[in-house]
Amino acid sequence: MTILAFQLSPNLYLKDPHETELGRNIIQQSIALLDELGFEDFTFKKLATEINSTETSIYRYFENKHKLLIYLIDWYWTWLEYRIDHQVSNIKDPSERLKACLLQLTEEKVFDINVAYVDERALERIVSSEFEKTFLTKQVDADNKEGLFMPYKSLCKKIASIIKQVSPGYEYPHSLASTVLLMVKHQLYYAQHLPALSDIKYDPKKHHKRLYRLLENLVFKTIDA
């Protein structure tokens, strides 16, 4: 049973997939298929086969696969901000709040029983490999004007506010926050696929802890400087 329900921009979809069984099935199977095939080879025709439905039924929910990808990644950022809020809400010391935030960003994602139709582990892999395809496009300005990147910007703003609490005089909190978010995804991806670009050696049992130590070192030394 789904407990958590996040409100994403209505400009992302034609019909809210959260509200129907078919819509939730579209989300569940699109995550699995994108994780397996990648964005380039993913099609609504293949998705329709997986959900035993038709392409037309999918187009009733999403205009195209670009908007579906942004929807999934926006959901991930919203879920991550929710988890950060939950973890830091009772922490008074700003430095400890920042450490708790970095831990949420870097820790291994596990299945969240509050959202039964979303595989957060697979979604994290999708974010690592596909996120930049959502905004490195010719229509980025139009998409931004429609508010399609608000969850990412909201999460950056949340991290930046915590950085400012730790170091009120630091001049670049939003730049550092957005860099940290991209760094998390890049380093996990590099560790697994392009290891010469990372000192985070890929090891499913250890690389998330190594990534946390890297970010903690980088962030605190940067804002202290």
N, C-alpha and C. Protein backbone atom coordinates (compact mmCIF):
# COMPACT_ATOMS: atom_id res chain seq x y z
N MET A 1 0.84 -1.20 0.00
CA MET A 1 0.00 0.00 0.00
C MET A 1 0.87 1.25 0.00
N THR A 2 0.57 2.19 -0.88
CA THR A 2 1.32 3.43 -0.95
C THR A 2 0.91 4.36 0.18
N ILE A 3 1.91 4.87 0.92
CA ILE A 3 1.64 5.80 2.01
C ILE A 3 2.11 7.20 1.61
N LEU A 4 3.35 7.30 1.11
CA LEU A 4 3.87 8.58 0.69
C LEU A 4 3.34 8.96 -0.69
N ALA A 5 2.98 10.21 -0.84
CA ALA A 5 2.53 10.71 -2.15
C ALA A 5 3.07 12.12 -2.31
N PHE A 6 3.93 12.32 -3.30
CA PHE A 6 4.53 13.62 -3.53
C PHE A 6 3.82 14.32 -4.69
N GLN A 7 3.59 15.61 -4.52
CA GLN A 7 2.97 16.41 -5.57
C GLN A 7 4.05 17.00 -6.46
N LEU A 8 4.15 16.50 -7.69
CA LEU A 8 5.10 17.03 -8.65
C LEU A 8 4.39 17.97 -9.61
N SER A 9 5.17 18.70 -10.39
CA SER A 9 4.60 19.68 -11.31
C SER A 9 3.60 19.03 -12.26
N PRO A 10 2.39 19.56 -12.36
CA PRO A 10 1.40 19.02 -13.31
C PRO A 10 1.83 19.19 -14.76
N ASN A 11 2.86 20.01 -15.01
CA ASN A 11 3.39 20.16 -16.37
C ASN A 11 4.19 18.94 -16.82
N LEU A 12 4.44 18.02 -15.89
CA LEU A 12 5.18 16.81 -16.22
C LEU A 12 4.30 15.73 -16.82
N TYR A 13 3.03 15.75 -16.51
CA TYR A 13 2.15 14.66 -16.91
C TYR A 13 0.82 15.18 -17.41
N LEU A 14 0.13 14.33 -18.14
CA LEU A 14 -1.22 14.65 -18.60
C LEU A 14 -2.26 14.15 -17.62
N LYS A 15 -1.93 13.05 -16.93
CA LYS A 15 -2.77 12.48 -15.89
C LYS A 15 -1.86 11.98 -14.79
N ASP A 16 -2.15 12.34 -13.55
CA ASP A 16 -1.27 11.99 -12.44
C ASP A 16 -1.18 10.47 -12.29
N PRO A 17 -0.01 9.87 -12.52
CA PRO A 17 0.10 8.41 -12.45
C PRO A 17 -0.08 7.85 -11.05
N HIS A 18 0.12 8.69 -10.05
CA HIS A 18 -0.03 8.22 -8.67
C HIS A 18 -1.47 7.83 -8.35
N GLU A 19 -2.42 8.37 -9.10
CA GLU A 19 -3.83 8.24 -8.72
C GLU A 19 -4.50 6.96 -9.20
N THR A 20 -3.85 6.22 -10.09
CA THR A 20 -4.49 5.00 -10.62
C THR A 20 -3.53 3.82 -10.56
N GLU A 21 -4.10 2.64 -10.59
CA GLU A 21 -3.28 1.42 -10.58
C GLU A 21 -2.44 1.34 -11.85
N LEU A 22 -3.03 1.69 -13.00
CA LEU A 22 -2.27 1.67 -14.24
C LEU A 22 -1.13 2.68 -14.18
N GLY A 23 -1.40 3.86 -13.67
CA GLY A 23 -0.36 4.88 -13.57
C GLY A 23 0.79 4.43 -12.69
N ARG A 24 0.47 3.83 -11.55
CA ARG A 24 1.53 3.34 -10.65
C ARG A 24 2.31 2.20 -11.31
N ASN A 25 1.60 1.38 -12.10
CA ASN A 25 2.28 0.30 -12.83
C ASN A 25 3.21 0.86 -13.89
N ILE A 26 2.79 1.94 -14.55
CA ILE A 26 3.65 2.61 -15.52
C ILE A 26 4.94 3.08 -14.85
N ILE A 27 4.82 3.68 -13.68
CA ILE A 27 5.99 4.16 -12.95
C ILE A 27 6.89 3.00 -12.55
N GLN A 28 6.31 1.97 -11.98
CA GLN A 28 7.09 0.83 -11.52
C GLN A 28 7.86 0.16 -12.66
N GLN A 29 7.17 -0.10 -13.75
CA GLN A 29 7.80 -0.81 -14.86
C GLN A 29 8.74 0.09 -15.67
N SER A 30 8.46 1.37 -15.72
CA SER A 30 9.38 2.26 -16.45
C SER A 30 10.71 2.37 -15.71
N ILE A 31 10.68 2.34 -14.39
CA ILE A 31 11.93 2.34 -13.62
C ILE A 31 12.74 1.08 -13.93
N ALA A 32 12.07 -0.06 -13.91
CA ALA A 32 12.75 -1.32 -14.18
C ALA A 32 13.32 -1.34 -15.60
N LEU A 33 12.56 -0.84 -16.56
CA LEU A 33 12.98 -0.90 -17.96
C LEU A 33 14.09 0.12 -18.24
N LEU A 34 13.98 1.31 -17.69
CA LEU A 34 15.04 2.31 -17.86
C LEU A 34 16.34 1.82 -17.22
N ASP A 35 16.23 1.18 -16.09
CA ASP A 35 17.41 0.64 -15.41
C ASP A 35 18.07 -0.45 -16.25
N GLU A 36 17.25 -1.22 -16.94
CA GLU A 36 17.77 -2.32 -17.76
C GLU A 36 18.31 -1.84 -19.10
N LEU A 37 17.58 -0.95 -19.78
CA LEU A 37 17.90 -0.59 -21.16
C LEU A 37 18.66 0.72 -21.31
N GLY A 38 18.44 1.66 -20.40
CA GLY A 38 18.94 3.01 -20.59
C GLY A 38 17.93 3.84 -21.35
N PHE A 39 18.09 5.17 -21.28
CA PHE A 39 17.09 6.08 -21.85
C PHE A 39 17.00 5.96 -23.37
N GLU A 40 18.14 5.80 -24.05
CA GLU A 40 18.14 5.78 -25.52
C GLU A 40 17.32 4.61 -26.06
N ASP A 41 17.43 3.44 -25.45
CA ASP A 41 16.74 2.26 -25.96
C ASP A 41 15.35 2.07 -25.36
N PHE A 42 15.00 2.89 -24.40
CA PHE A 42 13.68 2.81 -23.76
C PHE A 42 12.63 3.42 -24.69
N THR A 43 11.52 2.73 -24.89
CA THR A 43 10.41 3.27 -25.69
C THR A 43 9.08 2.96 -25.01
N PHE A 44 8.07 3.74 -25.34
CA PHE A 44 6.73 3.47 -24.81
C PHE A 44 6.19 2.14 -25.34
N LYS A 45 6.62 1.76 -26.54
CA LYS A 45 6.19 0.47 -27.09
C LYS A 45 6.69 -0.68 -26.23
N LYS A 46 7.96 -0.62 -25.83
CA LYS A 46 8.52 -1.65 -24.96
C LYS A 46 7.86 -1.62 -23.58
N LEU A 47 7.61 -0.42 -23.08
CA LEU A 47 6.94 -0.29 -21.79
C LEU A 47 5.53 -0.86 -21.84
N ALA A 48 4.81 -0.62 -22.92
CA ALA A 48 3.45 -1.14 -23.07
C ALA A 48 3.45 -2.66 -23.00
N THR A 49 4.46 -3.27 -23.61
CA THR A 49 4.57 -4.73 -23.56
C THR A 49 4.76 -5.21 -22.12
N GLU A 50 5.57 -4.50 -21.36
CA GLU A 50 5.86 -4.88 -19.98
C GLU A 50 4.63 -4.77 -19.08
N ILE A 51 3.77 -3.80 -19.35
CA ILE A 51 2.61 -3.59 -18.48
C ILE A 51 1.34 -4.23 -19.06
N ASN A 52 1.51 -4.98 -20.16
CA ASN A 52 0.36 -5.63 -20.82
C ASN A 52 -0.74 -4.63 -21.15
N SER A 53 -0.30 -3.52 -21.75
CA SER A 53 -1.25 -2.48 -22.13
C SER A 53 -0.87 -1.96 -23.51
N THR A 54 -1.26 -0.73 -23.81
CA THR A 54 -1.00 -0.15 -25.13
C THR A 54 -0.19 1.13 -24.99
N GLU A 55 0.49 1.51 -26.08
CA GLU A 55 1.20 2.78 -26.09
C GLU A 55 0.23 3.94 -25.84
N THR A 56 -0.96 3.83 -26.41
CA THR A 56 -1.95 4.89 -26.25
C THR A 56 -2.27 5.14 -24.77
N SER A 57 -2.35 4.07 -23.99
CA SER A 57 -2.66 4.22 -22.57
C SER A 57 -1.55 4.97 -21.84
N ILE A 58 -0.30 4.76 -22.26
CA ILE A 58 0.83 5.46 -21.63
C ILE A 58 0.82 6.93 -22.02
N TYR A 59 0.49 7.20 -23.29
CA TYR A 59 0.44 8.59 -23.75
C TYR A 59 -0.69 9.39 -23.08
N ARG A 60 -1.64 8.70 -22.46
CA ARG A 60 -2.66 9.41 -21.69
C ARG A 60 -2.07 10.00 -20.41
N TYR A 61 -0.93 9.45 -19.98
CA TYR A 61 -0.28 9.91 -18.75
C TYR A 61 0.90 10.83 -19.03
N PHE A 62 1.70 10.48 -20.06
CA PHE A 62 2.90 11.25 -20.34
C PHE A 62 2.99 11.60 -21.83
N GLU A 63 3.35 12.84 -22.08
CA GLU A 63 3.44 13.33 -23.46
C GLU A 63 4.55 12.63 -24.23
N ASN A 64 5.67 12.34 -23.57
CA ASN A 64 6.81 11.68 -24.21
C ASN A 64 7.73 11.11 -23.13
N LYS A 65 8.74 10.37 -23.56
CA LYS A 65 9.61 9.70 -22.59
C LYS A 65 10.53 10.70 -21.89
N HIS A 66 10.78 11.85 -22.50
CA HIS A 66 11.57 12.89 -21.84
C HIS A 66 10.86 13.37 -20.57
N LYS A 67 9.57 13.64 -20.69
CA LYS A 67 8.82 14.10 -19.51
C LYS A 67 8.69 12.98 -18.47
N LEU A 68 8.58 11.74 -18.92
CA LEU A 68 8.53 10.61 -17.98
C LEU A 68 9.84 10.51 -17.21
N LEU A 69 10.97 10.67 -17.90
CA LEU A 69 12.27 10.61 -17.21
C LEU A 69 12.38 11.72 -16.19
N ILE A 70 11.99 12.94 -16.56
CA ILE A 70 12.06 14.05 -15.59
C ILE A 70 11.14 13.77 -14.41
N TYR A 71 9.96 13.22 -14.67
CA TYR A 71 9.04 12.88 -13.58
C TYR A 71 9.71 11.94 -12.59
N LEU A 72 10.34 10.89 -13.08
CA LEU A 72 10.97 9.89 -12.20
C LEU A 72 12.11 10.52 -11.40
N ILE A 73 12.93 11.33 -12.06
CA ILE A 73 14.07 11.93 -11.37
C ILE A 73 13.60 13.02 -10.41
N ASP A 74 12.57 13.77 -10.78
CA ASP A 74 11.99 14.74 -9.83
C ASP A 74 11.44 14.03 -8.60
N TRP A 75 10.82 12.88 -8.82
CA TRP A 75 10.31 12.11 -7.68
C TRP A 75 11.47 11.72 -6.75
N TYR A 76 12.58 11.31 -7.33
CA TYR A 76 13.75 10.91 -6.53
C TYR A 76 14.26 12.08 -5.70
N TRP A 77 14.42 13.26 -6.30
CA TRP A 77 14.92 14.42 -5.56
C TRP A 77 13.94 14.81 -4.44
N THR A 78 12.65 14.72 -4.72
CA THR A 78 11.64 15.06 -3.71
C THR A 78 11.70 14.08 -2.55
N TRP A 79 11.81 12.81 -2.88
CA TRP A 79 11.93 11.77 -1.85
C TRP A 79 13.19 11.97 -1.02
N LEU A 80 14.31 12.33 -1.67
CA LEU A 80 15.56 12.54 -0.96
C LEU A 80 15.47 13.74 -0.02
N GLU A 81 14.83 14.81 -0.48
CA GLU A 81 14.66 15.97 0.40
C GLU A 81 13.77 15.63 1.59
N TYR A 82 12.75 14.84 1.36
CA TYR A 82 11.88 14.38 2.44
C TYR A 82 12.70 13.62 3.49
N ARG A 83 13.57 12.74 3.05
CA ARG A 83 14.40 11.96 3.96
C ARG A 83 15.38 12.84 4.72
N ILE A 84 15.95 13.84 4.04
CA ILE A 84 16.86 14.76 4.72
C ILE A 84 16.12 15.55 5.79
N ASP A 85 14.94 16.06 5.45
CA ASP A 85 14.14 16.80 6.43
C ASP A 85 13.86 15.94 7.66
N HIS A 86 13.52 14.69 7.42
CA HIS A 86 13.20 13.78 8.53
C HIS A 86 14.42 13.55 9.42
N GLN A 87 15.60 13.45 8.80
CA GLN A 87 16.81 13.14 9.56
C GLN A 87 17.36 14.33 10.33
N VAL A 88 17.25 15.53 9.78
CA VAL A 88 17.89 16.68 10.41
C VAL A 88 16.96 17.49 11.29
N SER A 89 15.68 17.17 11.31
CA SER A 89 14.69 18.01 11.99
C SER A 89 14.98 18.19 13.48
N ASN A 90 15.54 17.19 14.12
CA ASN A 90 15.79 17.26 15.56
C ASN A 90 17.25 17.47 15.91
N ILE A 91 18.08 17.80 14.92
CA ILE A 91 19.50 18.05 15.15
C ILE A 91 19.73 19.55 15.23
N LYS A 92 20.23 20.02 16.36
CA LYS A 92 20.40 21.46 16.56
C LYS A 92 21.74 21.98 16.07
N ASP A 93 22.80 21.20 16.20
CA ASP A 93 24.13 21.65 15.81
C ASP A 93 24.24 21.69 14.28
N PRO A 94 24.55 22.85 13.69
CA PRO A 94 24.59 22.98 12.23
C PRO A 94 25.56 22.01 11.55
N SER A 95 26.73 21.81 12.15
CA SER A 95 27.71 20.90 11.55
C SER A 95 27.19 19.47 11.52
N GLU A 96 26.51 19.08 12.57
CA GLU A 96 25.94 17.73 12.60
C GLU A 96 24.77 17.61 11.63
N ARG A 97 24.04 18.70 11.45
CA ARG A 97 22.96 18.70 10.45
C ARG A 97 23.53 18.50 9.05
N LEU A 98 24.64 19.18 8.78
CA LEU A 98 25.27 19.05 7.47
C LEU A 98 25.81 17.63 7.27
N LYS A 99 26.39 17.06 8.29
CA LYS A 99 26.90 15.69 8.18
C LYS A 99 25.75 14.71 7.94
N ALA A 100 24.63 14.92 8.64
CA ALA A 100 23.47 14.05 8.43
C ALA A 100 22.92 14.19 7.02
N CYS A 101 22.96 15.41 6.50
CA CYS A 101 22.52 15.66 5.13
C CYS A 101 23.42 14.93 4.13
N LEU A 102 24.72 15.04 4.30
CA LEU A 102 25.67 14.37 3.40
C LEU A 102 25.53 12.86 3.49
N LEU A 103 25.23 12.36 4.67
CA LEU A 103 25.03 10.92 4.83
C LEU A 103 23.82 10.45 4.05
N GLN A 104 22.75 11.23 4.06
CA GLN A 104 21.56 10.87 3.30
C GLN A 104 21.85 10.88 1.79
N LEU A 105 22.67 11.80 1.36
CA LEU A 105 23.00 11.89 -0.06
C LEU A 105 23.83 10.70 -0.53
N THR A 106 24.69 10.21 0.34
CA THR A 106 25.67 9.21 -0.09
C THR A 106 25.34 7.78 0.33
N GLU A 107 24.45 7.59 1.30
CA GLU A 107 24.21 6.24 1.79
C GLU A 107 23.54 5.38 0.72
N GLU A 108 23.73 4.07 0.84
CA GLU A 108 23.10 3.14 -0.08
C GLU A 108 21.59 3.21 0.06
N LYS A 109 20.90 3.36 -1.04
CA LYS A 109 19.45 3.45 -1.01
C LYS A 109 18.84 2.05 -0.92
N VAL A 110 17.82 1.93 -0.10
CA VAL A 110 17.13 0.65 0.08
C VAL A 110 15.65 0.84 -0.21
N PHE A 111 14.97 -0.25 -0.39
CA PHE A 111 13.55 -0.22 -0.71
C PHE A 111 12.77 0.46 0.41
N ASP A 112 11.94 1.43 0.05
CA ASP A 112 11.12 2.17 1.00
C ASP A 112 9.71 1.59 0.98
N ILE A 113 9.32 0.96 2.07
CA ILE A 113 8.01 0.30 2.11
C ILE A 113 6.87 1.30 2.04
N ASN A 114 7.16 2.58 2.26
CA ASN A 114 6.11 3.60 2.19
C ASN A 114 5.68 3.91 0.76
N VAL A 115 6.47 3.46 -0.21
CA VAL A 115 6.12 3.66 -1.62
C VAL A 115 6.39 2.35 -2.35
N ALA A 116 5.40 1.48 -2.32
CA ALA A 116 5.60 0.10 -2.76
C ALA A 116 5.90 -0.02 -4.25
N TYR A 117 5.50 0.94 -5.05
CA TYR A 117 5.67 0.80 -6.49
C TYR A 117 6.94 1.47 -7.03
N VAL A 118 7.79 1.97 -6.14
CA VAL A 118 9.04 2.61 -6.57
C VAL A 118 10.23 1.84 -6.00
N ASP A 119 11.12 1.42 -6.89
CA ASP A 119 12.36 0.77 -6.49
C ASP A 119 13.44 1.86 -6.42
N GLU A 120 13.70 2.34 -5.20
CA GLU A 120 14.63 3.45 -5.02
C GLU A 120 16.06 3.09 -5.41
N ARG A 121 16.42 1.83 -5.27
CA ARG A 121 17.78 1.41 -5.66
C ARG A 121 17.96 1.54 -7.16
N ALA A 122 16.99 1.06 -7.93
CA ALA A 122 17.06 1.19 -9.38
C ALA A 122 16.96 2.65 -9.80
N LEU A 123 16.13 3.42 -9.09
CA LEU A 123 15.96 4.82 -9.43
C LEU A 123 17.25 5.61 -9.19
N GLU A 124 17.99 5.26 -8.16
CA GLU A 124 19.27 5.91 -7.92
C GLU A 124 20.24 5.64 -9.08
N ARG A 125 20.23 4.41 -9.58
CA ARG A 125 21.09 4.10 -10.72
C ARG A 125 20.68 4.90 -11.96
N ILE A 126 19.37 5.08 -12.14
CA ILE A 126 18.87 5.87 -13.26
C ILE A 126 19.32 7.33 -13.12
N VAL A 127 19.21 7.88 -11.92
CA VAL A 127 19.64 9.25 -11.68
C VAL A 127 21.13 9.40 -11.99
N SER A 128 21.93 8.42 -11.56
CA SER A 128 23.38 8.48 -11.79
C SER A 128 23.73 8.51 -13.27
N SER A 129 22.99 7.74 -14.06
CA SER A 129 23.35 7.59 -15.47
C SER A 129 22.57 8.50 -16.42
N GLU A 130 21.39 8.95 -15.99
CA GLU A 130 20.51 9.66 -16.93
C GLU A 130 20.16 11.09 -16.55
N PHE A 131 20.50 11.53 -15.35
CA PHE A 131 20.02 12.82 -14.87
C PHE A 131 20.36 13.97 -15.81
N GLU A 132 21.59 14.04 -16.27
CA GLU A 132 21.99 15.18 -17.09
C GLU A 132 21.29 15.22 -18.44
N LYS A 133 20.72 14.10 -18.84
CA LYS A 133 19.96 14.08 -20.10
C LYS A 133 18.64 14.84 -19.96
N THR A 134 18.24 15.13 -18.72
CA THR A 134 17.00 15.88 -18.53
C THR A 134 17.19 17.36 -18.79
N PHE A 135 18.42 17.90 -18.62
CA PHE A 135 18.60 19.34 -18.79
C PHE A 135 19.65 19.74 -19.82
N LEU A 136 20.48 18.82 -20.28
CA LEU A 136 21.43 19.14 -21.35
C LEU A 136 20.72 18.96 -22.69
N THR A 137 19.71 19.78 -22.90
CA THR A 137 18.87 19.70 -24.09
C THR A 137 18.62 21.10 -24.63
N LYS A 138 18.13 21.16 -25.87
CA LYS A 138 17.81 22.45 -26.48
C LYS A 138 16.59 23.11 -25.84
N GLN A 139 15.73 22.29 -25.20
CA GLN A 139 14.50 22.86 -24.63
C GLN A 139 14.63 23.12 -23.13
N VAL A 140 15.88 23.17 -22.61
CA VAL A 140 16.07 23.33 -21.17
C VAL A 140 15.41 24.60 -20.64
N ASP A 141 15.50 25.71 -21.38
CA ASP A 141 14.93 26.96 -20.88
C ASP A 141 13.41 26.88 -20.80
N ALA A 142 12.80 26.26 -21.81
CA ALA A 142 11.34 26.09 -21.79
C ALA A 142 10.93 25.16 -20.66
N ASP A 143 11.68 24.07 -20.48
CA ASP A 143 11.38 23.14 -19.38
C ASP A 143 11.53 23.82 -18.03
N ASN A 144 12.56 24.64 -17.91
CA ASN A 144 12.78 25.34 -16.65
C ASN A 144 11.66 26.33 -16.38
N LYS A 145 11.20 27.01 -17.43
CA LYS A 145 10.10 27.98 -17.28
C LYS A 145 8.82 27.28 -16.82
N GLU A 146 8.67 26.01 -17.22
CA GLU A 146 7.50 25.23 -16.80
C GLU A 146 7.65 24.66 -15.39
N GLY A 147 8.80 24.87 -14.77
CA GLY A 147 9.00 24.41 -13.40
C GLY A 147 9.36 22.94 -13.29
N LEU A 148 9.93 22.37 -14.36
CA LEU A 148 10.19 20.94 -14.36
C LEU A 148 11.39 20.54 -13.50
N PHE A 149 12.21 21.52 -13.12
CA PHE A 149 13.40 21.19 -12.32
C PHE A 149 13.29 21.68 -10.87
N MET A 150 12.08 22.03 -10.45
CA MET A 150 11.90 22.58 -9.11
C MET A 150 12.38 21.67 -7.99
N PRO A 151 12.12 20.34 -8.04
CA PRO A 151 12.60 19.48 -6.94
C PRO A 151 14.12 19.49 -6.79
N TYR A 152 14.84 19.52 -7.91
CA TYR A 152 16.30 19.57 -7.85
C TYR A 152 16.75 20.90 -7.25
N LYS A 153 16.14 21.99 -7.68
CA LYS A 153 16.50 23.31 -7.16
C LYS A 153 16.12 23.44 -5.69
N SER A 154 15.00 22.83 -5.31
CA SER A 154 14.58 22.86 -3.91
C SER A 154 15.57 22.12 -3.01
N LEU A 155 16.05 20.97 -3.50
CA LEU A 155 17.03 20.20 -2.72
C LEU A 155 18.34 20.96 -2.62
N CYS A 156 18.78 21.59 -3.72
CA CYS A 156 20.00 22.41 -3.67
C CYS A 156 19.85 23.55 -2.67
N LYS A 157 18.69 24.17 -2.67
CA LYS A 157 18.43 25.28 -1.74
C LYS A 157 18.47 24.79 -0.29
N LYS A 158 17.94 23.59 -0.05
CA LYS A 158 17.94 23.02 1.30
C LYS A 158 19.38 22.77 1.77
N ILE A 159 20.19 22.18 0.92
CA ILE A 159 21.59 21.91 1.28
C ILE A 159 22.35 23.21 1.47
N ALA A 160 22.10 24.18 0.58
CA ALA A 160 22.77 25.48 0.70
C ALA A 160 22.42 26.18 2.01
N SER A 161 21.18 26.06 2.46
CA SER A 161 20.77 26.70 3.71
C SER A 161 21.50 26.08 4.90
N ILE A 162 21.73 24.77 4.84
CA ILE A 162 22.46 24.11 5.93
C ILE A 162 23.92 24.52 5.90
N ILE A 163 24.49 24.65 4.70
CA ILE A 163 25.87 25.12 4.57
C ILE A 163 26.01 26.52 5.17
N LYS A 164 25.03 27.39 4.91
CA LYS A 164 25.06 28.75 5.46
C LYS A 164 24.94 28.76 6.97
N GLN A 165 24.22 27.79 7.52
CA GLN A 165 24.12 27.69 8.97
C GLN A 165 25.48 27.35 9.59
N VAL A 166 26.24 26.52 8.88
CA VAL A 166 27.57 26.14 9.38
C VAL A 166 28.55 27.28 9.19
N SER A 167 28.50 27.91 8.03
CA SER A 167 29.46 28.97 7.70
C SER A 167 28.73 30.15 7.07
N PRO A 168 28.17 31.05 7.91
CA PRO A 168 27.36 32.17 7.40
C PRO A 168 28.10 33.06 6.41
N GLY A 169 29.42 33.10 6.50
CA GLY A 169 30.19 33.97 5.63
C GLY A 169 30.59 33.34 4.31
N TYR A 170 30.27 32.07 4.13
CA TYR A 170 30.68 31.40 2.89
C TYR A 170 29.88 31.96 1.71
N GLU A 171 30.59 32.31 0.63
CA GLU A 171 29.97 33.07 -0.46
C GLU A 171 29.24 32.23 -1.51
N TYR A 172 29.50 30.92 -1.56
CA TYR A 172 29.00 30.15 -2.69
C TYR A 172 28.19 28.91 -2.27
N PRO A 173 27.23 29.05 -1.38
CA PRO A 173 26.53 27.86 -0.87
C PRO A 173 25.72 27.11 -1.92
N HIS A 174 25.08 27.84 -2.83
CA HIS A 174 24.26 27.16 -3.85
C HIS A 174 25.15 26.47 -4.89
N SER A 175 26.25 27.11 -5.24
CA SER A 175 27.19 26.49 -6.17
C SER A 175 27.78 25.22 -5.57
N LEU A 176 28.12 25.28 -4.29
CA LEU A 176 28.67 24.10 -3.63
C LEU A 176 27.62 23.01 -3.52
N ALA A 177 26.39 23.37 -3.20
CA ALA A 177 25.32 22.38 -3.05
C ALA A 177 25.05 21.64 -4.35
N SER A 178 24.95 22.39 -5.46
CA SER A 178 24.69 21.74 -6.75
C SER A 178 25.88 20.90 -7.19
N THR A 179 27.08 21.35 -6.87
CA THR A 179 28.28 20.58 -7.20
C THR A 179 28.31 19.27 -6.41
N VAL A 180 27.94 19.34 -5.15
CA VAL A 180 27.91 18.14 -4.31
C VAL A 180 26.91 17.12 -4.85
N LEU A 181 25.73 17.58 -5.24
CA LEU A 181 24.72 16.66 -5.76
C LEU A 181 25.20 15.96 -7.03
N LEU A 182 25.81 16.72 -7.93
CA LEU A 182 26.34 16.10 -9.15
C LEU A 182 27.52 15.20 -8.83
N MET A 183 28.32 15.59 -7.88
CA MET A 183 29.50 14.79 -7.52
C MET A 183 29.10 13.43 -6.98
N VAL A 184 28.05 13.38 -6.18
CA VAL A 184 27.57 12.10 -5.66
C VAL A 184 27.26 11.16 -6.80
N LYS A 185 26.51 11.64 -7.79
CA LYS A 185 26.11 10.80 -8.91
C LYS A 185 27.29 10.45 -9.80
N HIS A 186 28.16 11.44 -10.06
CA HIS A 186 29.31 11.18 -10.92
C HIS A 186 30.26 10.17 -10.30
N GLN A 187 30.57 10.34 -9.03
CA GLN A 187 31.56 9.46 -8.41
C GLN A 187 31.07 8.02 -8.30
N LEU A 188 29.79 7.83 -8.01
CA LEU A 188 29.24 6.47 -7.99
C LEU A 188 29.32 5.84 -9.38
N TYR A 189 29.01 6.66 -10.39
CA TYR A 189 29.03 6.15 -11.76
C TYR A 189 30.46 5.87 -12.21
N TYR A 190 31.37 6.81 -11.92
CA TYR A 190 32.76 6.61 -12.28
C TYR A 190 33.35 5.38 -11.60
N ALA A 191 33.05 5.22 -10.31
CA ALA A 191 33.61 4.10 -9.56
C ALA A 191 33.26 2.77 -10.20
N GLN A 192 32.06 2.68 -10.75
CA GLN A 192 31.62 1.41 -11.34
C GLN A 192 32.05 1.27 -12.80
N HIS A 193 32.02 2.38 -13.57
CA HIS A 193 32.20 2.26 -15.01
C HIS A 193 33.49 2.89 -15.56
N LEU A 194 33.98 3.95 -14.90
CA LEU A 194 35.19 4.64 -15.34
C LEU A 194 36.12 4.84 -14.14
N PRO A 195 36.63 3.74 -13.59
CA PRO A 195 37.34 3.80 -12.31
C PRO A 195 38.58 4.69 -12.29
N ALA A 196 39.18 4.95 -13.44
CA ALA A 196 40.36 5.82 -13.47
C ALA A 196 40.02 7.26 -13.10
N LEU A 197 38.73 7.61 -13.13
CA LEU A 197 38.29 8.97 -12.83
C LEU A 197 37.90 9.17 -11.37
N SER A 198 38.04 8.14 -10.56
CA SER A 198 37.61 8.25 -9.17
C SER A 198 38.54 7.50 -8.24
N ASP A 199 38.69 8.03 -7.03
CA ASP A 199 39.42 7.32 -5.98
C ASP A 199 38.47 6.48 -5.12
N ILE A 200 37.17 6.52 -5.46
CA ILE A 200 36.18 5.71 -4.76
C ILE A 200 36.12 4.35 -5.45
N LYS A 201 36.87 3.39 -4.95
CA LYS A 201 36.90 2.07 -5.58
C LYS A 201 35.55 1.38 -5.41
N TYR A 202 35.05 0.83 -6.51
CA TYR A 202 33.72 0.23 -6.48
C TYR A 202 33.71 -1.03 -5.64
N ASP A 203 32.91 -0.99 -4.60
CA ASP A 203 32.71 -2.12 -3.71
C ASP A 203 31.34 -1.91 -3.08
N PRO A 204 30.34 -2.71 -3.46
CA PRO A 204 28.98 -2.48 -2.95
C PRO A 204 28.87 -2.36 -1.44
N LYS A 205 29.81 -2.95 -0.72
CA LYS A 205 29.74 -2.91 0.75
C LYS A 205 30.45 -1.69 1.34
N LYS A 206 31.28 -1.02 0.52
CA LYS A 206 32.12 0.04 1.09
C LYS A 206 32.07 1.38 0.35
N HIS A 207 31.70 1.38 -0.95
CA HIS A 207 31.91 2.61 -1.70
C HIS A 207 31.02 3.77 -1.24
N HIS A 208 29.85 3.51 -0.68
CA HIS A 208 29.02 4.60 -0.18
C HIS A 208 29.66 5.28 1.04
N LYS A 209 30.32 4.47 1.90
CA LYS A 209 31.01 5.05 3.06
C LYS A 209 32.22 5.86 2.61
N ARG A 210 32.92 5.36 1.60
CA ARG A 210 34.08 6.10 1.07
C ARG A 210 33.62 7.42 0.44
N LEU A 211 32.51 7.37 -0.24
CA LEU A 211 31.98 8.58 -0.86
C LEU A 211 31.59 9.60 0.20
N TYR A 212 31.01 9.14 1.30
CA TYR A 212 30.67 10.07 2.38
C TYR A 212 31.92 10.74 2.93
N ARG A 213 32.97 9.98 3.16
CA ARG A 213 34.20 10.55 3.70
C ARG A 213 34.79 11.59 2.74
N LEU A 214 34.71 11.30 1.44
CA LEU A 214 35.19 12.26 0.45
C LEU A 214 34.40 13.56 0.51
N LEU A 215 33.08 13.45 0.55
CA LEU A 215 32.24 14.66 0.56
C LEU A 215 32.41 15.44 1.86
N GLU A 216 32.46 14.74 2.98
CA GLU A 216 32.64 15.43 4.26
C GLU A 216 33.95 16.21 4.25
N ASN A 217 35.02 15.57 3.77
CA ASN A 217 36.31 16.23 3.70
C ASN A 217 36.26 17.45 2.78
N LEU A 218 35.68 17.28 1.60
CA LEU A 218 35.62 18.36 0.62
C LEU A 218 34.78 19.53 1.11
N VAL A 219 33.57 19.24 1.58
CA VAL A 219 32.64 20.30 1.95
C VAL A 219 33.15 21.10 3.15
N PHE A 220 33.57 20.41 4.20
CA PHE A 220 33.98 21.14 5.41
C PHE A 220 35.27 21.90 5.20
N LYS A 221 36.22 21.34 4.45
CA LYS A 221 37.45 22.08 4.18
C LYS A 221 37.17 23.28 3.28
N THR A 222 36.22 23.13 2.36
CA THR A 222 35.89 24.24 1.46
C THR A 222 35.25 25.40 2.23
N ILE A 223 34.28 25.11 3.05
CA ILE A 223 33.59 26.21 3.74
C ILE A 223 34.44 26.77 4.88
N ASP A 224 35.34 25.97 5.44
CA ASP A 224 36.24 26.47 6.47
C ASP A 224 37.29 27.41 5.88
N ALA A 225 37.66 27.12 4.63
CA ALA A 225 38.68 27.97 3.98
C ALA A 225 38.16 29.37 3.74
